[in-house]
C-alpha atoms as a PDB file:
ATOM      1  CA  UNK A   1      34.452 -12.685  -9.406  1.00  0.00           C
ATOM      2  CA  UNK A   2      37.874 -13.004  -7.728  1.00  0.00           C
ATOM      3  CA  UNK A   3      37.051 -10.083  -5.424  1.00  0.00           C
ATOM      4  CA  UNK A   4      33.749 -11.677  -4.435  1.00  0.00           C
ATOM      5  CA  UNK A   5      35.472 -15.008  -3.815  1.00  0.00           C
ATOM      6  CA  UNK A   6      38.076 -13.291  -1.671  1.00  0.00           C
ATOM      7  CA  UNK A   7      35.371 -11.533   0.321  1.00  0.00           C
ATOM      8  CA  UNK A   8      33.461 -14.773   0.798  1.00  0.00           C
ATOM      9  CA  UNK A   9      36.567 -16.593   1.992  1.00  0.00           C
ATOM     10  CA  UNK A  10      37.946 -13.792   4.192  1.00  0.00           C
ATOM     11  CA  UNK A  11      36.035 -14.769   7.312  1.00  0.00           C
ATOM     12  CA  UNK A  12      36.625 -18.510   7.068  1.00  0.00           C
ATOM     13  CA  UNK A  13      38.918 -20.304   9.487  1.00  0.00           C
ATOM     14  CA  UNK A  14      41.718 -22.334   7.947  1.00  0.00           C
ATOM     15  CA  UNK A  15      40.015 -25.647   8.713  1.00  0.00           C
ATOM     16  CA  UNK A  16      36.770 -24.410   7.108  1.00  0.00           C
ATOM     17  CA  UNK A  17      38.350 -22.992   3.933  1.00  0.00           C
ATOM     18  CA  UNK A  18      37.365 -25.968   1.755  1.00  0.00           C
ATOM     19  CA  UNK A  19      33.777 -25.913   2.979  1.00  0.00           C
ATOM     20  CA  UNK A  20      33.530 -22.156   2.514  1.00  0.00           C
ATOM     21  CA  UNK A  21      34.971 -22.347  -0.999  1.00  0.00           C
ATOM     22  CA  UNK A  22      32.599 -25.144  -1.994  1.00  0.00           C
ATOM     23  CA  UNK A  23      29.606 -23.296  -0.589  1.00  0.00           C
ATOM     24  CA  UNK A  24      30.590 -20.110  -2.421  1.00  0.00           C
ATOM     25  CA  UNK A  25      31.089 -21.908  -5.752  1.00  0.00           C
ATOM     26  CA  UNK A  26      27.828 -23.858  -5.439  1.00  0.00           C
ATOM     27  CA  UNK A  27      25.888 -20.718  -4.578  1.00  0.00           C
ATOM     28  CA  UNK A  28      27.432 -18.812  -7.492  1.00  0.00           C
ATOM     29  CA  UNK A  29      26.613 -21.610  -9.963  1.00  0.00           C
ATOM     30  CA  UNK A  30      23.029 -22.035  -8.761  1.00  0.00           C
ATOM     31  CA  UNK A  31      22.466 -18.294  -8.656  1.00  0.00           C
ATOM     32  CA  UNK A  32      23.744 -17.850 -12.196  1.00  0.00           C
ATOM     33  CA  UNK A  33      21.686 -20.740 -13.547  1.00  0.00           C
ATOM     34  CA  UNK A  34      18.546 -19.615 -11.728  1.00  0.00           C
ATOM     35  CA  UNK A  35      18.970 -16.013 -12.851  1.00  0.00           C
ATOM     36  CA  UNK A  36      19.486 -17.031 -16.466  1.00  0.00           C
ATOM     37  CA  UNK A  37      16.411 -19.287 -16.328  1.00  0.00           C
ATOM     38  CA  UNK A  38      14.192 -16.540 -14.905  1.00  0.00           C
ATOM     39  CA  UNK A  39      15.378 -13.909 -17.375  1.00  0.00           C
ATOM     40  CA  UNK A  40      15.003 -16.339 -20.275  1.00  0.00           C
ATOM     41  CA  UNK A  41      11.456 -17.203 -19.194  1.00  0.00           C
ATOM     42  CA  UNK A  42      10.578 -13.500 -18.956  1.00  0.00           C
ATOM     43  CA  UNK A  43      12.055 -12.816 -22.402  1.00  0.00           C
ATOM     44  CA  UNK A  44      10.255 -15.780 -23.979  1.00  0.00           C
ATOM     45  CA  UNK A  45       6.949 -14.808 -22.402  1.00  0.00           C
ATOM     46  CA  UNK A  46       7.197 -11.215 -23.585  1.00  0.00           C
ATOM     47  CA  UNK A  47       8.308 -12.297 -27.073  1.00  0.00           C
ATOM     48  CA  UNK A  48       5.402 -14.726 -27.339  1.00  0.00           C
ATOM     49  CA  UNK A  49       2.884 -12.116 -26.191  1.00  0.00           C
ATOM     50  CA  UNK A  50       4.247  -9.522 -28.614  1.00  0.00           C
ATOM     51  CA  UNK A  51       4.165 -12.047 -31.443  1.00  0.00           C
ATOM     52  CA  UNK A  52       0.533 -12.922 -30.710  1.00  0.00           C
ATOM     53  CA  UNK A  53      -0.383  -9.234 -30.790  1.00  0.00           C
ATOM     54  CA  UNK A  54       0.896  -8.764 -34.318  1.00  0.00           C
ATOM     55  CA  UNK A  55       4.542  -7.788 -33.879  1.00  0.00           C
ATOM     56  CA  UNK A  56       7.059  -9.008 -36.410  1.00  0.00           C
ATOM     57  CA  UNK A  57       9.414 -11.739 -35.158  1.00  0.00           C
ATOM     58  CA  UNK A  58      12.247  -9.223 -34.856  1.00  0.00           C
ATOM     59  CA  UNK A  59      10.121  -6.760 -32.873  1.00  0.00           C
ATOM     60  CA  UNK A  60       8.823  -9.553 -30.640  1.00  0.00           C
ATOM     61  CA  UNK A  61      12.334 -10.799 -29.924  1.00  0.00           C
ATOM     62  CA  UNK A  62      13.493  -7.258 -29.212  1.00  0.00           C
ATOM     63  CA  UNK A  63      10.605  -6.748 -26.783  1.00  0.00           C
ATOM     64  CA  UNK A  64      11.604  -9.910 -24.910  1.00  0.00           C
ATOM     65  CA  UNK A  65      15.258  -8.907 -24.724  1.00  0.00           C
ATOM     66  CA  UNK A  66      14.293  -5.414 -23.613  1.00  0.00           C
ATOM     67  CA  UNK A  67      12.297  -6.804 -20.683  1.00  0.00           C
ATOM     68  CA  UNK A  68      15.006  -9.292 -19.674  1.00  0.00           C
ATOM     69  CA  UNK A  69      17.793  -6.709 -19.755  1.00  0.00           C
ATOM     70  CA  UNK A  70      15.624  -4.189 -17.892  1.00  0.00           C
ATOM     71  CA  UNK A  71      14.835  -6.669 -15.120  1.00  0.00           C
ATOM     72  CA  UNK A  72      18.495  -7.717 -14.961  1.00  0.00           C
ATOM     73  CA  UNK A  73      19.613  -4.091 -14.654  1.00  0.00           C
ATOM     74  CA  UNK A  74      17.013  -3.467 -11.942  1.00  0.00           C
ATOM     75  CA  UNK A  75      18.239  -6.477  -9.983  1.00  0.00           C
ATOM     76  CA  UNK A  76      21.824  -5.262 -10.337  1.00  0.00           C
ATOM     77  CA  UNK A  77      20.906  -1.834  -8.944  1.00  0.00           C
ATOM     78  CA  UNK A  78      19.047  -3.493  -6.045  1.00  0.00           C
ATOM     79  CA  UNK A  79      22.045  -5.734  -5.292  1.00  0.00           C
ATOM     80  CA  UNK A  80      24.394  -2.740  -5.272  1.00  0.00           C
ATOM     81  CA  UNK A  81      22.064  -0.865  -2.916  1.00  0.00           C
ATOM     82  CA  UNK A  82      21.929  -3.830  -0.541  1.00  0.00           C
ATOM     83  CA  UNK A  83      25.714  -4.196  -0.665  1.00  0.00           C
ATOM     84  CA  UNK A  84      26.255  -0.524   0.123  1.00  0.00           C
ATOM     85  CA  UNK A  85      23.889  -0.677   3.094  1.00  0.00           C
ATOM     86  CA  UNK A  86      24.839  -4.090   4.484  1.00  0.00           C
ATOM     87  CA  UNK A  87      28.556  -4.337   3.755  1.00  0.00           C
ATOM     88  CA  UNK A  88      29.863  -1.383   5.711  1.00  0.00           C
ATOM     89  CA  UNK A  89      33.623  -1.009   6.069  1.00  0.00           C
ATOM     90  CA  UNK A  90      35.154  -2.855   9.028  1.00  0.00           C
ATOM     91  CA  UNK A  91      36.280   0.379  10.671  1.00  0.00           C
ATOM     92  CA  UNK A  92      32.734   1.697  10.738  1.00  0.00           C
ATOM     93  CA  UNK A  93      31.466  -1.568  12.268  1.00  0.00           C
ATOM     94  CA  UNK A  94      34.123  -1.358  14.984  1.00  0.00           C
ATOM     95  CA  UNK A  95      33.177   2.236  15.766  1.00  0.00           C
ATOM     96  CA  UNK A  96      29.493   1.327  15.985  1.00  0.00           C
ATOM     97  CA  UNK A  97      30.294  -1.647  18.260  1.00  0.00           C
ATOM     98  CA  UNK A  98      32.461   0.518  20.510  1.00  0.00           C
ATOM     99  CA  UNK A  99      29.762   3.177  20.727  1.00  0.00           C
ATOM    100  CA  UNK A 100      27.117   0.595  21.664  1.00  0.00           C
ATOM    101  CA  UNK A 101      29.396  -0.928  24.292  1.00  0.00           C
ATOM    102  CA  UNK A 102      30.045   2.518  25.772  1.00  0.00           C
ATOM    103  CA  UNK A 103      26.307   3.260  25.886  1.00  0.00           C
ATOM    104  CA  UNK A 104      25.573  -0.050  27.617  1.00  0.00           C
ATOM    105  CA  UNK A 105      28.283   0.552  30.227  1.00  0.00           C
ATOM    106  CA  UNK A 106      26.896   4.053  30.938  1.00  0.00           C
ATOM    107  CA  UNK A 107      23.340   2.683  31.243  1.00  0.00           C
ATOM    108  CA  UNK A 108      24.410  -0.042  33.659  1.00  0.00           C
ATOM    109  CA  UNK A 109      25.977   2.482  36.064  1.00  0.00           C
END
């Protein structure tokens, strides 16, 4: 979490640091609460369905946990993929910007 907080605050101006910090903390809290609620609802739904279809309570609970952890792992993999694609290193962004600027100057001539 400290690395994510540092990344979130890195682009903020000094006068906007408090606002940026508050926005980051609020987003993290709401995201965590929402994610836990969704995964809990999925686990409860799967456990209830398994229980109604004759599974023992332990098997039903395990089926719910299995679904929740599987969905959570899938979301983690998706988030990592998005981060790798979207959060390119600054040097690469500068090189891409310089290349685009060069192309535009050549096209305008």
